[in-house]
Structure formats: structure tokens, C-alpha cells
Protein backbone atom coordinates (compact mmCIF):
# COMPACT_ATOMS: atom_id res chain seq x y z
CA UNK A 1 0.73 -9.97 54.48
CA UNK A 2 2.67 -7.70 56.61
CA UNK A 3 5.78 -9.88 56.38
CA UNK A 4 5.53 -9.84 52.57
CA UNK A 5 5.50 -6.03 52.50
CA UNK A 6 8.62 -5.73 54.60
CA UNK A 7 10.60 -8.14 52.49
CA UNK A 8 9.82 -6.24 49.27
CA UNK A 9 12.74 -3.64 48.86
CA UNK A 10 10.84 -1.66 46.27
CA UNK A 11 7.85 -1.15 48.48
CA UNK A 12 10.01 -0.08 51.43
CA UNK A 13 11.94 2.40 49.25
CA UNK A 14 15.29 0.98 50.04
CA UNK A 15 16.19 0.53 46.34
CA UNK A 16 17.29 3.65 44.55
CA UNK A 17 14.78 5.00 42.13
CA UNK A 18 15.96 4.70 38.55
CA UNK A 19 14.49 6.74 35.69
CA UNK A 20 15.80 5.76 32.22
CA UNK A 21 16.76 8.60 29.89
CA UNK A 22 16.47 8.26 26.19
CA UNK A 23 18.36 10.36 23.72
CA UNK A 24 17.59 10.31 19.96
CA UNK A 25 20.19 8.64 17.77
CA UNK A 26 19.17 10.76 14.76
CA UNK A 27 18.10 14.36 15.15
CA UNK A 28 15.28 15.49 12.83
CA UNK A 29 15.88 19.07 11.88
CA UNK A 30 13.15 19.55 9.18
CA UNK A 31 9.53 19.21 9.44
CA UNK A 32 8.19 16.62 6.93
CA UNK A 33 5.18 17.84 4.95
CA UNK A 34 2.46 15.23 4.76
CA UNK A 35 0.26 15.20 1.64
CA UNK A 36 -2.97 13.24 1.39
CA UNK A 37 -3.74 14.42 -2.27
CA UNK A 38 -7.14 15.65 -0.86
CA UNK A 39 -5.90 19.25 -0.55
CA UNK A 40 -7.39 20.26 -3.91
CA UNK A 41 -10.84 18.76 -3.24
CA UNK A 42 -13.91 19.71 -1.41
CA UNK A 43 -16.02 17.29 0.63
CA UNK A 44 -19.38 16.94 -1.04
CA UNK A 45 -20.76 14.23 1.26
CA UNK A 46 -19.65 12.43 4.33
CA UNK A 47 -21.20 9.48 6.23
CA UNK A 48 -20.04 6.65 8.42
CA UNK A 49 -20.10 3.16 6.92
CA UNK A 50 -18.44 -0.25 6.74
CA UNK A 51 -16.87 -1.49 3.53
CA UNK A 52 -16.48 -5.06 2.29
CA UNK A 53 -14.85 -6.50 -0.77
CA UNK A 54 -15.65 -9.76 -2.51
CA UNK A 55 -12.69 -12.18 -2.66
CA UNK A 56 -13.03 -14.18 -5.86
CA UNK A 57 -10.62 -16.91 -4.76
CA UNK A 58 -12.37 -17.86 -1.54
CA UNK A 59 -15.77 -16.64 -2.72
CA UNK A 60 -16.61 -14.74 0.40
CA UNK A 61 -16.95 -11.18 1.64
CA UNK A 62 -13.96 -9.73 3.50
CA UNK A 63 -14.15 -6.63 5.63
CA UNK A 64 -12.03 -3.83 4.33
CA UNK A 65 -12.68 -1.32 7.01
CA UNK A 66 -14.95 1.00 9.01
CA UNK A 67 -14.83 4.73 8.75
CA UNK A 68 -16.17 7.78 7.10
CA UNK A 69 -16.86 7.45 3.38
CA UNK A 70 -16.55 10.78 1.60
CA UNK A 71 -17.40 12.08 -1.91
CA UNK A 72 -14.67 14.55 -2.86
CA UNK A 73 -14.99 17.03 -5.75
CA UNK A 74 -11.81 18.31 -7.31
CA UNK A 75 -11.69 22.12 -7.45
CA UNK A 76 -10.31 22.34 -11.01
CA UNK A 77 -11.62 19.29 -12.88
CA UNK A 78 -14.95 19.05 -11.02
CA UNK A 79 -14.60 15.24 -11.00
CA UNK A 80 -15.95 13.40 -7.90
CA UNK A 81 -14.34 10.43 -6.34
CA UNK A 82 -15.20 8.18 -3.34
CA UNK A 83 -12.51 7.99 -0.69
CA UNK A 84 -12.87 6.03 2.54
CA UNK A 85 -10.25 5.75 5.34
CA UNK A 86 -10.20 3.34 8.30
CA UNK A 87 -11.00 4.84 11.67
CA UNK A 88 -7.80 4.51 13.71
CA UNK A 89 -5.06 3.88 11.12
CA UNK A 90 -6.46 6.31 8.47
CA UNK A 91 -5.37 3.79 5.85
CA UNK A 92 -7.30 4.21 2.59
CA UNK A 93 -9.70 1.41 1.99
CA UNK A 94 -11.57 2.75 -0.98
CA UNK A 95 -10.42 5.27 -3.58
CA UNK A 96 -12.14 5.42 -7.03
CA UNK A 97 -13.86 7.82 -9.40
CA UNK A 98 -17.63 7.44 -9.66
CA UNK A 99 -18.11 6.78 -13.31
CA UNK A 100 -21.61 6.62 -14.89
CA UNK A 101 -21.28 2.91 -15.63
CA UNK A 102 -21.24 1.92 -11.89
CA UNK A 103 -24.62 0.62 -10.77
CA UNK A 104 -25.58 0.48 -7.14
CA UNK A 105 -27.51 -2.67 -6.49
CA UNK A 106 -29.33 -3.51 -3.21
CA UNK A 107 -27.54 -6.22 -1.14
CA UNK A 108 -29.64 -9.45 -0.77
CA UNK A 109 -31.28 -9.46 2.64
CA UNK A 110 -30.45 -5.96 3.73
CA UNK A 111 -32.07 -2.58 3.12
CA UNK A 112 -29.14 -0.64 4.58
CA UNK A 113 -26.30 -1.83 2.14
CA UNK A 114 -25.38 -1.54 -1.47
CA UNK A 115 -23.18 -3.66 -3.85
CA UNK A 116 -21.37 -2.28 -6.77
CA UNK A 117 -18.50 -3.14 -9.21
CA UNK A 118 -15.47 -0.77 -9.76
CA UNK A 119 -13.13 -1.16 -12.63
CA UNK A 120 -10.24 0.79 -10.97
CA UNK A 121 -10.15 1.03 -7.17
CA UNK A 122 -6.62 2.34 -6.22
CA UNK A 123 -6.73 2.00 -2.51
CA UNK A 124 -3.95 -0.64 -2.57
CA UNK A 125 -1.75 1.40 -4.77
CA UNK A 126 -2.50 -0.09 -8.23
CA UNK A 127 -5.83 -0.04 -10.04
CA UNK A 128 -7.84 -3.24 -9.36
CA UNK A 129 -11.29 -4.29 -10.41
CA UNK A 130 -13.27 -4.91 -7.25
CA UNK A 131 -16.81 -5.93 -6.18
CA UNK A 132 -17.51 -3.81 -3.10
CA UNK A 133 -20.35 -3.65 -0.60
CA UNK A 134 -20.99 -0.79 1.68
CA UNK A 135 -23.20 -0.98 4.74
CA UNK A 136 -24.72 1.86 6.79
CA UNK A 137 -26.25 2.18 10.23
CA UNK A 138 -29.84 2.45 8.88
CA UNK A 139 -31.75 2.28 5.65
CA UNK A 140 -32.24 6.17 5.66
CA UNK A 141 -28.46 6.57 5.48
CA UNK A 142 -28.23 4.00 2.73
CA UNK A 143 -30.80 5.85 0.70
CA UNK A 144 -29.13 9.17 1.27
CA UNK A 145 -25.81 7.74 0.06
CA UNK A 146 -27.47 6.33 -3.04
CA UNK A 147 -28.89 9.80 -3.85
CA UNK A 148 -25.61 11.50 -3.36
CA UNK A 149 -23.68 8.70 -5.24
CA UNK A 150 -25.95 9.12 -8.32
CA UNK A 151 -25.61 12.91 -8.18
CA UNK A 152 -21.86 12.61 -8.19
CA UNK A 153 -22.04 10.21 -11.14
CA UNK A 154 -24.01 12.89 -13.08
CA UNK A 155 -21.43 15.45 -12.08
CA UNK A 156 -18.59 13.27 -13.41
CA UNK A 157 -20.48 12.66 -16.61
CA UNK A 158 -20.87 16.37 -17.28
CA UNK A 159 -17.23 16.95 -16.20
CA UNK A 160 -16.07 14.23 -18.65
CA UNK A 161 -17.78 16.07 -21.53
CA UNK A 162 -16.17 19.41 -20.89
CA UNK A 163 -18.60 20.70 -18.33
CA UNK A 164 -21.31 21.63 -20.86
CA UNK A 165 -24.65 22.85 -19.57
CA UNK A 166 -27.44 20.40 -18.97
CA UNK A 167 -29.64 21.97 -21.61
CA UNK A 168 -27.09 21.59 -24.43
CA UNK A 169 -26.49 17.89 -23.46
CA UNK A 170 -30.13 17.01 -23.61
CA UNK A 171 -30.73 18.37 -27.12
CA UNK A 172 -28.28 15.99 -28.94
CA UNK A 173 -29.72 13.12 -27.05
CA UNK A 174 -33.26 13.84 -28.18
CA UNK A 175 -32.08 14.15 -31.77
CA UNK A 176 -30.32 10.86 -31.57
CA UNK A 177 -33.52 9.25 -30.23
CA UNK A 178 -35.61 10.63 -33.10
CA UNK A 179 -33.10 9.30 -35.66
CA UNK A 180 -33.14 5.90 -33.95
CA UNK A 181 -36.95 5.85 -34.15
CA UNK A 182 -36.87 6.67 -37.88
CA UNK A 183 -34.33 3.99 -38.75
CA UNK A 184 -36.51 0.92 -37.70
CA UNK A 185 -39.35 2.24 -39.83
CA UNK A 186 -37.12 2.13 -42.90
CA UNK A 187 -36.03 -1.36 -42.02
CA UNK A 188 -39.53 -2.54 -41.58
CA UNK A 189 -40.45 -1.33 -45.17
CA UNK A 190 -37.62 -3.16 -46.66
CA UNK A 191 -38.35 -6.45 -44.82
């Protein structure tokens, strides 16, 4: 081994040390401002999860990413959307509003994941209808997510109706139910 060390010119220091120098081809004078479109929103809820999407062509679940799923409420419109970014790349893997027609369903064989259909997920740039599954570390986190998800849906429903108070929304609903009850009675008499 001693012979090998003496024959190596780099190990003996006989070769001149060379440090490459790199100079930029283009000089960047201005700072580029980065916008995430999340500046006008407040984080309502944040939890770590793994997201999957169902590929209709191959009929299998494909992983979309792992990271923090956040429910963001817009400061002016009060609408809540779900945004999820991948851990290392920060690429958006879920971005959609939580409309009242979305139903969280338990995933078969797991108490820590939910499946739901979205009509317009814009994480890939254009709105696409997707079937998504979201999995959490434990069932407590999954239940907490469901509670916050449903609360956000109610917030969006009230924001879509002009932000009316809960009391004023319930009164027309009860009147509509009473009218609906009276109509079948009239039909039964004619039949």
C-alpha cells in the first residue's frame, strides 16, 4: 500500500491545486417576486396527509403526493378551499373549493382515510373532475379532518348565499318543508 501512495501525484501534493471559477453569463439585477395566490387567505386547518387519485384508464389508485393539507379561507369572499403541496418540491397536488355537494366517504378497509369526488380540481392547471383519497397517520386525524372539512363546506354554503346569518337561512328552509308536507296531502285527496 505504501507504494501505491507514492505513485499517486494528487496524494503527494505534486500536482498543482486547481479551483474552478464560475462567472454568471447573465446578471440578474431585479428581485423576482414570487406569488402563491395564498397571500389573501388565512389557514383554517393544517394536517399532514398522503393524497391519491383514481386513474380511470388503468382503474387503480395513483399517489399524488405527501405533505400538509390546508384549508384556506379567503379574507374577502370567506370561501374555503383545500390546498395541498408536496413536501420537498412544494408542487400543488390538490387545489379545489369545498362545495356542499362533496361527500366524504370512508375508504374500504381503512378507518384513517376518506374518498371523495371533486368536479373541479385545478392542481394541474386546468379544472378536472377527480376521485381523490386522502389518508392520515391515524383515525383521530381522519375524524378531525372530516369535522373541519364539513365545517368548511358550511362556511362556503353561507358565503355563496351572500353571507347571510344562520337564523335567516333556517327560516325559509322550514317554510319550504311545511309547503312540501301540505302538497302531498292535496295529491292524496285527488287520487
